[in-house]
Full PDB file with SEQRES, HELIX, SHEET, SSBOND, CRYST1, ORIGX, SCALE, CONECT and MASTER records, all heavy atoms in Angstrom:
SEQRES   1 A   34  GLU MET PHE SER LEU TYR GLU GLU TYR LYS LYS TYR GLU          
SEQRES   2 A   34  GLN GLN GLN LEU ALA LEU ILE SER ALA ASP VAL GLU PHE          
SEQRES   3 A   34  ALA CYS SER PRO ARG GLU VAL LYS                              
HELIX    1 AA1 MET A    2  ALA A   22  1                                  21    
CRYST1    1.000    1.000    1.000  90.00  90.00  90.00 P 1           1          
ORIGX1      1.000000  0.000000  0.000000        0.00000                         
ORIGX2      0.000000  1.000000  0.000000        0.00000                         
ORIGX3      0.000000  0.000000  1.000000        0.00000                         
SCALE1      1.000000  0.000000  0.000000        0.00000                         
SCALE2      0.000000  1.000000  0.000000        0.00000                         
SCALE3      0.000000  0.000000  1.000000        0.00000                         
ATOM      1  N   GLU A   1      69.253 122.430 124.721  1.00  0.00           N  
ATOM      2  CA  GLU A   1      68.415 123.118 123.760  1.00  0.00           C  
ATOM      3  C   GLU A   1      68.807 122.797 122.355  1.00  0.00           C  
ATOM      4  O   GLU A   1      67.959 122.545 121.486  1.00  0.00           O  
ATOM      5  CB  GLU A   1      68.532 124.656 123.964  1.00  0.00           C  
ATOM      6  CG  GLU A   1      67.644 125.421 122.960  1.00  0.00           C  
ATOM      7  CD  GLU A   1      67.982 126.836 122.952  1.00  0.00           C  
ATOM      8  OE1 GLU A   1      68.861 127.372 123.654  1.00  0.00           O  
ATOM      9  OE2 GLU A   1      67.283 127.676 122.155  1.00  0.00           O  
ATOM     10  N   MET A   2      70.124 122.751 122.097  1.00  0.00           N  
ATOM     11  CA  MET A   2      70.601 122.380 120.673  1.00  0.00           C  
ATOM     12  C   MET A   2      70.254 120.957 120.391  1.00  0.00           C  
ATOM     13  O   MET A   2      69.858 120.678 119.166  1.00  0.00           O  
ATOM     14  CB  MET A   2      72.124 122.677 120.649  1.00  0.00           C  
ATOM     15  CG  MET A   2      72.547 124.130 120.769  1.00  0.00           C  
ATOM     16  SD  MET A   2      71.883 125.161 119.405  1.00  0.00           S  
ATOM     17  CE  MET A   2      72.934 124.594 118.058  1.00  0.00           C  
ATOM     18  N   PHE A   3      70.402 120.073 121.295  1.00  0.00           N  
ATOM     19  CA  PHE A   3      70.050 118.681 121.050  1.00  0.00           C  
ATOM     20  C   PHE A   3      68.573 118.568 120.748  1.00  0.00           C  
ATOM     21  O   PHE A   3      68.170 117.764 119.829  1.00  0.00           O  
ATOM     22  CB  PHE A   3      70.470 117.793 122.215  1.00  0.00           C  
ATOM     23  CG  PHE A   3      71.911 117.371 122.234  1.00  0.00           C  
ATOM     24  CD1 PHE A   3      72.775 117.886 123.212  1.00  0.00           C  
ATOM     25  CD2 PHE A   3      72.460 116.502 121.276  1.00  0.00           C  
ATOM     26  CE1 PHE A   3      74.083 117.517 123.265  1.00  0.00           C  
ATOM     27  CE2 PHE A   3      73.768 116.147 121.324  1.00  0.00           C  
ATOM     28  CZ  PHE A   3      74.626 116.716 122.257  1.00  0.00           C  
ATOM     29  N   SER A   4      67.780 119.307 121.448  1.00  0.00           N  
ATOM     30  CA  SER A   4      66.370 119.327 121.225  1.00  0.00           C  
ATOM     31  C   SER A   4      66.027 119.891 119.859  1.00  0.00           C  
ATOM     32  O   SER A   4      65.170 119.358 119.080  1.00  0.00           O  
ATOM     33  CB  SER A   4      65.640 120.132 122.276  1.00  0.00           C  
ATOM     34  OG  SER A   4      64.271 120.170 122.033  1.00  0.00           O  
ATOM     35  N   LEU A   5      66.701 120.975 119.495  1.00  0.00           N  
ATOM     36  CA  LEU A   5      66.574 121.500 118.126  1.00  0.00           C  
ATOM     37  C   LEU A   5      66.985 120.525 117.039  1.00  0.00           C  
ATOM     38  O   LEU A   5      66.313 120.525 115.957  1.00  0.00           O  
ATOM     39  CB  LEU A   5      67.415 122.841 118.025  1.00  0.00           C  
ATOM     40  CG  LEU A   5      66.846 124.076 118.710  1.00  0.00           C  
ATOM     41  CD1 LEU A   5      67.868 125.206 118.696  1.00  0.00           C  
ATOM     42  CD2 LEU A   5      65.499 124.536 118.074  1.00  0.00           C  
ATOM     43  N   TYR A   6      67.981 119.748 117.328  1.00  0.00           N  
ATOM     44  CA  TYR A   6      68.458 118.792 116.300  1.00  0.00           C  
ATOM     45  C   TYR A   6      67.332 117.743 116.010  1.00  0.00           C  
ATOM     46  O   TYR A   6      67.077 117.368 114.870  1.00  0.00           O  
ATOM     47  CB  TYR A   6      69.685 118.097 116.795  1.00  0.00           C  
ATOM     48  CG  TYR A   6      70.141 116.990 115.885  1.00  0.00           C  
ATOM     49  CD1 TYR A   6      70.342 117.122 114.488  1.00  0.00           C  
ATOM     50  CD2 TYR A   6      70.374 115.691 116.435  1.00  0.00           C  
ATOM     51  CE1 TYR A   6      70.646 116.035 113.730  1.00  0.00           C  
ATOM     52  CE2 TYR A   6      70.801 114.670 115.618  1.00  0.00           C  
ATOM     53  CZ  TYR A   6      70.937 114.837 114.318  1.00  0.00           C  
ATOM     54  OH  TYR A   6      71.315 113.742 113.424  1.00  0.00           O  
ATOM     55  N   GLU A   7      66.608 117.353 117.105  1.00  0.00           N  
ATOM     56  CA  GLU A   7      65.532 116.434 116.948  1.00  0.00           C  
ATOM     57  C   GLU A   7      64.374 117.056 116.111  1.00  0.00           C  
ATOM     58  O   GLU A   7      63.785 116.411 115.285  1.00  0.00           O  
ATOM     59  CB  GLU A   7      64.995 115.970 118.310  1.00  0.00           C  
ATOM     60  CG  GLU A   7      66.008 115.130 119.098  1.00  0.00           C  
ATOM     61  CD  GLU A   7      66.390 113.859 118.354  1.00  0.00           C  
ATOM     62  OE1 GLU A   7      65.519 113.132 117.690  1.00  0.00           O  
ATOM     63  OE2 GLU A   7      67.602 113.511 118.395  1.00  0.00           O  
ATOM     64  N   GLU A   8      64.149 118.331 116.390  1.00  0.00           N  
ATOM     65  CA  GLU A   8      63.158 119.037 115.636  1.00  0.00           C  
ATOM     66  C   GLU A   8      63.595 119.151 114.141  1.00  0.00           C  
ATOM     67  O   GLU A   8      62.789 119.140 113.261  1.00  0.00           O  
ATOM     68  CB  GLU A   8      62.937 120.464 116.183  1.00  0.00           C  
ATOM     69  CG  GLU A   8      62.235 120.513 117.467  1.00  0.00           C  
ATOM     70  CD  GLU A   8      61.972 121.918 117.981  1.00  0.00           C  
ATOM     71  OE1 GLU A   8      61.934 122.868 117.091  1.00  0.00           O  
ATOM     72  OE2 GLU A   8      61.939 122.163 119.218  1.00  0.00           O  
ATOM     73  N   TYR A   9      64.901 119.355 113.905  1.00  0.00           N  
ATOM     74  CA  TYR A   9      65.371 119.537 112.541  1.00  0.00           C  
ATOM     75  C   TYR A   9      65.071 118.250 111.713  1.00  0.00           C  
ATOM     76  O   TYR A   9      64.699 118.360 110.569  1.00  0.00           O  
ATOM     77  CB  TYR A   9      66.836 119.892 112.534  1.00  0.00           C  
ATOM     78  CG  TYR A   9      67.368 119.712 111.023  1.00  0.00           C  
ATOM     79  CD1 TYR A   9      67.089 120.705 110.099  1.00  0.00           C  
ATOM     80  CD2 TYR A   9      68.023 118.510 110.678  1.00  0.00           C  
ATOM     81  CE1 TYR A   9      67.484 120.589 108.822  1.00  0.00           C  
ATOM     82  CE2 TYR A   9      68.449 118.399 109.321  1.00  0.00           C  
ATOM     83  CZ  TYR A   9      68.133 119.397 108.417  1.00  0.00           C  
ATOM     84  OH  TYR A   9      68.542 119.318 107.084  1.00  0.00           O  
ATOM     85  N   LYS A  10      65.308 117.105 112.299  1.00  0.00           N  
ATOM     86  CA  LYS A  10      65.162 115.921 111.594  1.00  0.00           C  
ATOM     87  C   LYS A  10      63.658 115.770 111.106  1.00  0.00           C  
ATOM     88  O   LYS A  10      63.426 115.347 109.958  1.00  0.00           O  
ATOM     89  CB  LYS A  10      65.504 114.631 112.460  1.00  0.00           C  
ATOM     90  CG  LYS A  10      67.010 114.568 112.683  1.00  0.00           C  
ATOM     91  CD  LYS A  10      67.470 113.310 113.375  1.00  0.00           C  
ATOM     92  CE  LYS A  10      67.194 113.348 114.830  1.00  0.00           C  
ATOM     93  NZ  LYS A  10      67.734 112.196 115.568  1.00  0.00           N  
ATOM     94  N   LYS A  11      62.750 116.221 111.876  1.00  0.00           N  
ATOM     95  CA  LYS A  11      61.318 116.263 111.467  1.00  0.00           C  
ATOM     96  C   LYS A  11      61.124 117.308 110.393  1.00  0.00           C  
ATOM     97  O   LYS A  11      60.398 117.020 109.388  1.00  0.00           O  
ATOM     98  CB  LYS A  11      60.393 116.506 112.620  1.00  0.00           C  
ATOM     99  CG  LYS A  11      60.444 115.447 113.757  1.00  0.00           C  
ATOM    100  CD  LYS A  11      59.624 115.861 114.900  1.00  0.00           C  
ATOM    101  CE  LYS A  11      59.757 114.872 116.113  1.00  0.00           C  
ATOM    102  NZ  LYS A  11      58.987 115.329 117.280  1.00  0.00           N  
ATOM    103  N   TYR A  12      61.763 118.483 110.575  1.00  0.00           N  
ATOM    104  CA  TYR A  12      61.648 119.582 109.580  1.00  0.00           C  
ATOM    105  C   TYR A  12      62.195 119.122 108.225  1.00  0.00           C  
ATOM    106  O   TYR A  12      61.587 119.429 107.183  1.00  0.00           O  
ATOM    107  CB  TYR A  12      62.400 120.774 110.165  1.00  0.00           C  
ATOM    108  CG  TYR A  12      62.465 121.924 109.229  1.00  0.00           C  
ATOM    109  CD1 TYR A  12      61.363 122.800 108.998  1.00  0.00           C  
ATOM    110  CD2 TYR A  12      63.655 122.246 108.493  1.00  0.00           C  
ATOM    111  CE1 TYR A  12      61.426 123.806 108.190  1.00  0.00           C  
ATOM    112  CE2 TYR A  12      63.749 123.366 107.638  1.00  0.00           C  
ATOM    113  CZ  TYR A  12      62.591 124.131 107.507  1.00  0.00           C  
ATOM    114  OH  TYR A  12      62.718 125.208 106.612  1.00  0.00           O  
ATOM    115  N   GLU A  13      63.279 118.440 108.222  1.00  0.00           N  
ATOM    116  CA  GLU A  13      63.932 117.972 106.986  1.00  0.00           C  
ATOM    117  C   GLU A  13      62.909 117.015 106.227  1.00  0.00           C  
ATOM    118  O   GLU A  13      62.712 117.161 105.014  1.00  0.00           O  
ATOM    119  CB  GLU A  13      65.201 117.278 107.202  1.00  0.00           C  
ATOM    120  CG  GLU A  13      65.918 116.827 105.957  1.00  0.00           C  
ATOM    121  CD  GLU A  13      67.255 116.134 106.197  1.00  0.00           C  
ATOM    122  OE1 GLU A  13      68.099 116.829 106.882  1.00  0.00           O  
ATOM    123  OE2 GLU A  13      67.458 115.007 105.671  1.00  0.00           O  
ATOM    124  N   GLN A  14      62.277 116.140 106.929  1.00  0.00           N  
ATOM    125  CA  GLN A  14      61.348 115.154 106.249  1.00  0.00           C  
ATOM    126  C   GLN A  14      60.121 115.987 105.790  1.00  0.00           C  
ATOM    127  O   GLN A  14      59.629 115.682 104.640  1.00  0.00           O  
ATOM    128  CB  GLN A  14      60.898 114.141 107.303  1.00  0.00           C  
ATOM    129  CG  GLN A  14      61.982 113.150 107.708  1.00  0.00           C  
ATOM    130  CD  GLN A  14      62.580 112.408 106.410  1.00  0.00           C  
ATOM    131  OE1 GLN A  14      61.809 111.951 105.629  1.00  0.00           O  
ATOM    132  NE2 GLN A  14      63.879 112.320 106.349  1.00  0.00           N  
ATOM    133  N   GLN A  15      59.707 116.996 106.456  1.00  0.00           N  
ATOM    134  CA  GLN A  15      58.610 117.827 106.062  1.00  0.00           C  
ATOM    135  C   GLN A  15      58.901 118.493 104.709  1.00  0.00           C  
ATOM    136  O   GLN A  15      58.109 118.530 103.767  1.00  0.00           O  
ATOM    137  CB  GLN A  15      58.188 118.838 107.096  1.00  0.00           C  
ATOM    138  CG  GLN A  15      57.526 118.236 108.325  1.00  0.00           C  
ATOM    139  CD  GLN A  15      57.432 119.214 109.490  1.00  0.00           C  
ATOM    140  OE1 GLN A  15      57.840 120.393 109.321  1.00  0.00           O  
ATOM    141  NE2 GLN A  15      56.836 118.861 110.543  1.00  0.00           N  
ATOM    142  N   GLN A  16      60.127 119.070 104.611  1.00  0.00           N  
ATOM    143  CA  GLN A  16      60.548 119.791 103.434  1.00  0.00           C  
ATOM    144  C   GLN A  16      60.685 118.820 102.265  1.00  0.00           C  
ATOM    145  O   GLN A  16      60.312 119.196 101.088  1.00  0.00           O  
ATOM    146  CB  GLN A  16      61.891 120.526 103.737  1.00  0.00           C  
ATOM    147  CG  GLN A  16      61.769 121.672 104.676  1.00  0.00           C  
ATOM    148  CD  GLN A  16      60.736 122.716 104.330  1.00  0.00           C  
ATOM    149  OE1 GLN A  16      60.703 123.092 103.184  1.00  0.00           O  
ATOM    150  NE2 GLN A  16      59.905 123.089 105.240  1.00  0.00           N  
ATOM    151  N   LEU A  17      61.222 117.650 102.472  1.00  0.00           N  
ATOM    152  CA  LEU A  17      61.359 116.704 101.405  1.00  0.00           C  
ATOM    153  C   LEU A  17      59.939 116.266 100.892  1.00  0.00           C  
ATOM    154  O   LEU A  17      59.765 116.125  99.652  1.00  0.00           O  
ATOM    155  CB  LEU A  17      62.134 115.438 101.832  1.00  0.00           C  
ATOM    156  CG  LEU A  17      63.564 115.629 102.217  1.00  0.00           C  
ATOM    157  CD1 LEU A  17      64.184 114.402 102.748  1.00  0.00           C  
ATOM    158  CD2 LEU A  17      64.351 116.200 101.036  1.00  0.00           C  
ATOM    159  N   ALA A  18      59.021 116.129 101.775  1.00  0.00           N  
ATOM    160  CA  ALA A  18      57.618 115.831 101.365  1.00  0.00           C  
ATOM    161  C   ALA A  18      56.968 116.929 100.574  1.00  0.00           C  
ATOM    162  O   ALA A  18      56.299 116.776  99.568  1.00  0.00           O  
ATOM    163  CB  ALA A  18      56.789 115.506 102.611  1.00  0.00           C  
ATOM    164  N   LEU A  19      57.271 118.212 101.006  1.00  0.00           N  
ATOM    165  CA  LEU A  19      56.743 119.402 100.294  1.00  0.00           C  
ATOM    166  C   LEU A  19      57.317 119.466  98.821  1.00  0.00           C  
ATOM    167  O   LEU A  19      56.580 119.696  97.871  1.00  0.00           O  
ATOM    168  CB  LEU A  19      57.083 120.636 100.985  1.00  0.00           C  
ATOM    169  CG  LEU A  19      56.306 120.966 102.262  1.00  0.00           C  
ATOM    170  CD1 LEU A  19      56.898 122.162 103.030  1.00  0.00           C  
ATOM    171  CD2 LEU A  19      54.870 121.166 102.016  1.00  0.00           C  
ATOM    172  N   ILE A  20      58.611 119.186  98.701  1.00  0.00           N  
ATOM    173  CA  ILE A  20      59.209 119.175  97.323  1.00  0.00           C  
ATOM    174  C   ILE A  20      58.622 118.167  96.425  1.00  0.00           C  
ATOM    175  O   ILE A  20      58.186 118.379  95.298  1.00  0.00           O  
ATOM    176  CB  ILE A  20      60.780 118.915  97.396  1.00  0.00           C  
ATOM    177  CG1 ILE A  20      61.433 120.061  98.233  1.00  0.00           C  
ATOM    178  CG2 ILE A  20      61.363 118.860  96.029  1.00  0.00           C  
ATOM    179  CD1 ILE A  20      62.887 119.800  98.510  1.00  0.00           C  
ATOM    180  N   SER A  21      58.417 116.947  97.013  1.00  0.00           N  
ATOM    181  CA  SER A  21      57.847 115.817  96.254  1.00  0.00           C  
ATOM    182  C   SER A  21      56.407 116.107  95.802  1.00  0.00           C  
ATOM    183  O   SER A  21      55.942 115.635  94.772  1.00  0.00           O  
ATOM    184  CB  SER A  21      57.982 114.516  97.006  1.00  0.00           C  
ATOM    185  OG  SER A  21      59.264 114.188  97.333  1.00  0.00           O  
ATOM    186  N   ALA A  22      55.653 116.828  96.636  1.00  0.00           N  
ATOM    187  CA  ALA A  22      54.256 117.133  96.363  1.00  0.00           C  
ATOM    188  C   ALA A  22      54.034 118.399  95.546  1.00  0.00           C  
ATOM    189  O   ALA A  22      52.965 118.609  95.047  1.00  0.00           O  
ATOM    190  CB  ALA A  22      53.451 117.188  97.674  1.00  0.00           C  
ATOM    191  N   ASP A  23      54.998 119.273  95.502  1.00  0.00           N  
ATOM    192  CA  ASP A  23      54.837 120.544  94.872  1.00  0.00           C  
ATOM    193  C   ASP A  23      54.616 120.488  93.381  1.00  0.00           C  
ATOM    194  O   ASP A  23      55.268 119.774  92.664  1.00  0.00           O  
ATOM    195  CB  ASP A  23      56.043 121.473  95.086  1.00  0.00           C  
ATOM    196  CG  ASP A  23      55.735 122.983  95.057  1.00  0.00           C  
ATOM    197  OD1 ASP A  23      54.799 123.267  94.353  1.00  0.00           O  
ATOM    198  OD2 ASP A  23      56.492 123.692  95.690  1.00  0.00           O  
ATOM    199  N   VAL A  24      53.546 121.114  92.898  1.00  0.00           N  
ATOM    200  CA  VAL A  24      53.266 121.166  91.464  1.00  0.00           C  
ATOM    201  C   VAL A  24      53.243 122.537  90.901  1.00  0.00           C  
ATOM    202  O   VAL A  24      53.022 122.740  89.683  1.00  0.00           O  
ATOM    203  CB  VAL A  24      51.877 120.465  91.184  1.00  0.00           C  
ATOM    204  CG1 VAL A  24      51.955 118.936  91.494  1.00  0.00           C  
ATOM    205  CG2 VAL A  24      50.758 121.145  91.951  1.00  0.00           C  
ATOM    206  N   GLU A  25      53.495 123.503  91.754  1.00  0.00           N  
ATOM    207  CA  GLU A  25      53.470 124.879  91.307  1.00  0.00           C  
ATOM    208  C   GLU A  25      54.752 125.638  91.409  1.00  0.00           C  
ATOM    209  O   GLU A  25      55.169 126.421  90.614  1.00  0.00           O  
ATOM    210  CB  GLU A  25      52.378 125.695  92.160  1.00  0.00           C  
ATOM    211  CG  GLU A  25      52.188 127.096  91.702  1.00  0.00           C  
ATOM    212  CD  GLU A  25      51.123 127.751  92.579  1.00  0.00           C  
ATOM    213  OE1 GLU A  25      50.541 127.089  93.507  1.00  0.00           O  
ATOM    214  OE2 GLU A  25      50.878 128.964  92.362  1.00  0.00           O  
ATOM    215  N   PHE A  26      55.539 125.413  92.511  1.00  0.00           N  
ATOM    216  CA  PHE A  26      56.848 126.024  92.710  1.00  0.00           C  
ATOM    217  C   PHE A  26      56.706 127.535  92.592  1.00  0.00           C  
ATOM    218  O   PHE A  26      57.333 128.149  91.715  1.00  0.00           O  
ATOM    219  CB  PHE A  26      57.935 125.462  91.793  1.00  0.00           C  
ATOM    220  CG  PHE A  26      58.210 123.986  92.050  1.00  0.00           C  
ATOM    221  CD1 PHE A  26      57.643 123.058  91.202  1.00  0.00           C  
ATOM    222  CD2 PHE A  26      59.026 123.613  93.049  1.00  0.00           C  
ATOM    223  CE1 PHE A  26      57.872 121.737  91.494  1.00  0.00           C  
ATOM    224  CE2 PHE A  26      59.306 122.284  93.295  1.00  0.00           C  
ATOM    225  CZ  PHE A  26      58.710 121.304  92.495  1.00  0.00           C  
ATOM    226  N   ALA A  27      55.944 128.083  93.398  1.00  0.00           N  
ATOM    227  CA  ALA A  27      55.643 129.557  93.337  1.00  0.00           C  
ATOM    228  C   ALA A  27      56.786 130.454  93.732  1.00  0.00           C  
ATOM    229  O   ALA A  27      57.654 130.035  94.397  1.00  0.00           O  
ATOM    230  CB  ALA A  27      54.403 129.843  94.277  1.00  0.00           C  
ATOM    231  N   CYS A  28      56.781 131.700  93.262  1.00  0.00           N  
ATOM    232  CA  CYS A  28      57.757 132.718  93.716  1.00  0.00           C  
ATOM    233  C   CYS A  28      57.449 133.051  95.141  1.00  0.00           C  
ATOM    234  O   CYS A  28      56.509 133.748  95.382  1.00  0.00           O  
ATOM    235  CB  CYS A  28      57.669 133.901  92.849  1.00  0.00           C  
ATOM    236  SG  CYS A  28      57.992 133.717  91.100  1.00  0.00           S  
ATOM    237  N   SER A  29      58.221 132.540  96.013  1.00  0.00           N  
ATOM    238  CA  SER A  29      57.968 132.778  97.499  1.00  0.00           C  
ATOM    239  C   SER A  29      59.271 132.797  98.256  1.00  0.00           C  
ATOM    240  O   SER A  29      59.580 131.900  99.026  1.00  0.00           O  
ATOM    241  CB  SER A  29      57.073 131.589  98.018  1.00  0.00           C  
ATOM    242  OG  SER A  29      56.773 131.889  99.378  1.00  0.00           O  
ATOM    243  N   PRO A  30      60.050 133.906  98.109  1.00  0.00           N  
ATOM    244  CA  PRO A  30      61.336 133.989  98.771  1.00  0.00           C  
ATOM    245  C   PRO A  30      61.132 134.069 100.305  1.00  0.00           C  
ATOM    246  O   PRO A  30      60.227 134.761 100.774  1.00  0.00           O  
ATOM    247  CB  PRO A  30      61.944 135.331  98.294  1.00  0.00           C  
ATOM    248  CG  PRO A  30      60.758 136.105  97.730  1.00  0.00           C  
ATOM    249  CD  PRO A  30      59.817 135.093  97.252  1.00  0.00           C  
ATOM    250  N   ARG A  31      61.943 133.338 101.043  1.00  0.00           N  
ATOM    251  CA  ARG A  31      61.928 133.308 102.461  1.00  0.00           C  
ATOM    252  C   ARG A  31      62.105 134.697 103.105  1.00  0.00           C  
ATOM    253  O   ARG A  31      61.439 134.990 104.108  1.00  0.00           O  
ATOM    254  CB  ARG A  31      62.922 132.261 103.044  1.00  0.00           C  
ATOM    255  CG  ARG A  31      63.028 132.187 104.521  1.00  0.00           C  
ATOM    256  CD  ARG A  31      64.001 131.088 104.951  1.00  0.00           C  
ATOM    257  NE  ARG A  31      65.276 131.228 104.197  1.00  0.00           N  
ATOM    258  CZ  ARG A  31      66.259 132.019 104.545  1.00  0.00           C  
ATOM    259  NH1 ARG A  31      66.119 132.782 105.598  1.00  0.00           N  
ATOM    260  NH2 ARG A  31      67.435 132.057 103.846  1.00  0.00           N  
ATOM    261  N   GLU A  32      63.005 135.445 102.591  1.00  0.00           N  
ATOM    262  CA  GLU A  32      63.311 136.794 102.993  1.00  0.00           C  
ATOM    263  C   GLU A  32      63.979 137.574 101.938  1.00  0.00           C  
ATOM    264  O   GLU A  32      64.311 137.023 100.895  1.00  0.00           O  
ATOM    265  CB  GLU A  32      64.217 136.735 104.267  1.00  0.00           C  
ATOM    266  CG  GLU A  32      65.586 136.128 104.028  1.00  0.00           C  
ATOM    267  CD  GLU A  32      66.505 136.080 105.279  1.00  0.00           C  
ATOM    268  OE1 GLU A  32      66.114 136.825 106.204  1.00  0.00           O  
ATOM    269  OE2 GLU A  32      67.522 135.335 105.253  1.00  0.00           O  
ATOM    270  N   VAL A  33      64.150 138.881 102.131  1.00  0.00           N  
ATOM    271  CA  VAL A  33      64.691 139.758 101.127  1.00  0.00           C  
ATOM    272  C   VAL A  33      66.060 139.360 100.629  1.00  0.00           C  
ATOM    273  O   VAL A  33      66.405 139.411  99.471  1.00  0.00           O  
ATOM    274  CB  VAL A  33      64.749 141.185 101.671  1.00  0.00           C  
ATOM    275  CG1 VAL A  33      65.419 142.184 100.652  1.00  0.00           C  
ATOM    276  CG2 VAL A  33      63.292 141.741 101.844  1.00  0.00           C  
ATOM    277  N   LYS A  34      66.855 138.884 101.641  1.00  0.00           N  
ATOM    278  CA  LYS A  34      68.267 138.518 101.330  1.00  0.00           C  
ATOM    279  C   LYS A  34      68.317 137.411 100.167  1.00  0.00           C  
ATOM    280  O   LYS A  34      69.267 137.318  99.455  1.00  0.00           O  
ATOM    281  CB  LYS A  34      68.953 138.005 102.536  1.00  0.00           C  
ATOM    282  CG  LYS A  34      69.395 139.088 103.439  1.00  0.00           C  
ATOM    283  CD  LYS A  34      70.178 138.541 104.677  1.00  0.00           C  
ATOM    284  CE  LYS A  34      70.667 139.663 105.586  1.00  0.00           C  
ATOM    285  NZ  LYS A  34      71.446 139.141 106.771  1.00  0.00           N  
TER     286      LYS A  34                                                      
MASTER        0    0    0    1    0    0    0    6  285    1    0    3          
END                                                                             
């Protein structure tokens, strides 16, 4: 399960990098209260 999650993470990291590069607003959007 962890190895499978690691493969998912690699895709997730690329998605986040693409979001940063494309973001033009950088809205206030905290993931959680903490």
